[in-house]
Protein backbone atom coordinates (compact mmCIF):
# COMPACT_ATOMS: atom_id res chain seq x y z
CA UNK A 1 0.93 0.50 15.06
CA UNK A 2 -0.31 1.51 11.59
CA UNK A 3 -3.16 -1.00 11.75
CA UNK A 4 -4.15 0.32 15.18
CA UNK A 5 -4.08 3.93 13.98
CA UNK A 6 -6.23 3.07 10.94
CA UNK A 7 -8.80 1.39 13.18
CA UNK A 8 -8.90 4.40 15.49
CA UNK A 9 -9.55 6.74 12.56
CA UNK A 10 -12.41 4.63 11.22
CA UNK A 11 -13.94 4.05 14.64
CA UNK A 12 -13.82 7.72 15.55
CA UNK A 13 -15.49 8.82 12.31
CA UNK A 14 -18.11 6.09 12.59
CA UNK A 15 -19.15 6.88 16.15
CA UNK A 16 -18.84 10.64 15.86
CA UNK A 17 -21.15 11.09 12.88
CA UNK A 18 -23.85 8.42 13.21
CA UNK A 19 -27.17 10.10 13.86
CA UNK A 20 -26.31 13.23 11.87
CA UNK A 21 -29.37 14.56 10.00
CA UNK A 22 -28.83 13.94 6.28
CA UNK A 23 -30.60 14.27 2.94
CA UNK A 24 -29.51 14.48 -0.68
CA UNK A 25 -28.88 18.22 -0.36
CA UNK A 26 -26.31 17.97 2.44
CA UNK A 27 -24.85 14.47 1.94
CA UNK A 28 -21.82 15.79 0.04
CA UNK A 29 -21.19 18.39 2.74
CA UNK A 30 -21.29 15.68 5.42
CA UNK A 31 -18.92 13.48 3.38
CA UNK A 32 -16.47 16.37 3.15
CA UNK A 33 -16.82 17.15 6.88
CA UNK A 34 -16.10 13.54 7.88
CA UNK A 35 -13.14 13.41 5.47
CA UNK A 36 -11.80 16.69 6.82
CA UNK A 37 -11.96 15.44 10.41
CA UNK A 38 -10.14 12.23 9.50
CA UNK A 39 -7.42 14.12 7.61
CA UNK A 40 -6.65 16.23 10.71
CA UNK A 41 -5.52 13.17 12.65
CA UNK A 42 -1.91 11.99 12.91
CA UNK A 43 -0.47 9.60 10.30
CA UNK A 44 -3.36 9.98 7.82
CA UNK A 45 -2.29 10.30 4.21
CA UNK A 46 -5.71 10.12 2.58
CA UNK A 47 -9.38 9.52 3.33
CA UNK A 48 -12.47 8.89 1.22
CA UNK A 49 -16.02 9.02 2.51
CA UNK A 50 -19.17 7.99 0.65
CA UNK A 51 -22.78 8.07 1.80
CA UNK A 52 -25.00 5.65 -0.11
CA UNK A 53 -27.58 7.90 -1.76
CA UNK A 54 -29.99 5.02 -2.53
CA UNK A 55 -30.17 3.99 1.13
CA UNK A 56 -30.49 7.64 2.11
CA UNK A 57 -33.48 8.10 -0.20
CA UNK A 58 -35.11 4.85 0.93
CA UNK A 59 -34.93 5.91 4.58
CA UNK A 60 -35.98 9.54 4.15
CA UNK A 61 -38.95 10.53 6.27
CA UNK A 62 -41.92 12.56 5.10
CA UNK A 63 -39.92 15.60 6.26
CA UNK A 64 -37.32 14.93 3.55
CA UNK A 65 -34.40 13.70 5.64
CA UNK A 66 -33.18 10.83 7.76
CA UNK A 67 -30.21 10.28 10.05
CA UNK A 68 -26.87 8.86 9.01
CA UNK A 69 -26.80 5.16 9.82
CA UNK A 70 -24.08 2.53 9.77
CA UNK A 71 -25.34 0.91 6.58
CA UNK A 72 -25.00 4.17 4.58
CA UNK A 73 -21.30 4.80 5.23
CA UNK A 74 -18.27 3.66 3.28
CA UNK A 75 -14.97 5.07 4.53
CA UNK A 76 -11.46 4.35 3.29
CA UNK A 77 -8.40 5.69 5.09
CA UNK A 78 -4.71 5.45 4.25
CA UNK A 79 -2.38 5.66 7.22
CA UNK A 80 1.41 5.63 7.26
CA UNK A 81 3.43 5.12 10.42
CA UNK A 82 7.15 5.03 9.77
CA UNK A 83 7.63 2.87 6.69
CA UNK A 84 4.37 0.94 7.15
CA UNK A 85 1.37 2.02 5.10
CA UNK A 86 -2.09 0.59 5.77
CA UNK A 87 -5.28 1.00 3.77
CA UNK A 88 -8.37 0.38 5.87
CA UNK A 89 -12.05 0.34 4.94
CA UNK A 90 -15.27 0.51 6.85
CA UNK A 91 -18.41 -0.59 5.06
CA UNK A 92 -21.66 -2.36 5.68
CA UNK A 93 -21.73 -6.14 5.18
CA UNK A 94 -25.25 -7.13 4.06
CA UNK A 95 -24.70 -10.80 4.85
CA UNK A 96 -23.56 -10.17 8.41
CA UNK A 97 -25.80 -7.12 8.89
CA UNK A 98 -22.83 -5.35 10.44
CA UNK A 99 -20.38 -2.55 9.60
CA UNK A 100 -17.04 -4.30 9.10
CA UNK A 101 -13.54 -2.87 9.09
CA UNK A 102 -10.93 -4.44 6.86
CA UNK A 103 -7.28 -3.45 6.55
CA UNK A 104 -4.32 -4.42 4.39
CA UNK A 105 -0.77 -3.32 3.87
CA UNK A 106 -0.48 -0.61 1.25
CA UNK A 107 2.17 -0.02 -1.39
């Protein structure tokens, strides 16, 4: 169940926030908002969210912003259900050109 819950948290954050207008001035605010939303959910012990600033700058339009895309996000969530702790990550895989989720048992 812990692996399932971790996947739900990552999937929800991923699909909820893609397309959000972002630039270097509000990237930290968006990271905190995504983290805050994840932390509200059951079984979550911790969450970390990073937006790749280099990719953000490379995609910025002439208007000074772009939209959050799957290749910019790196999310780590720690979930504990009963005695089982899982650490799951979502991040872009350049080789596969796809945002992959990976999970492992935590300590």
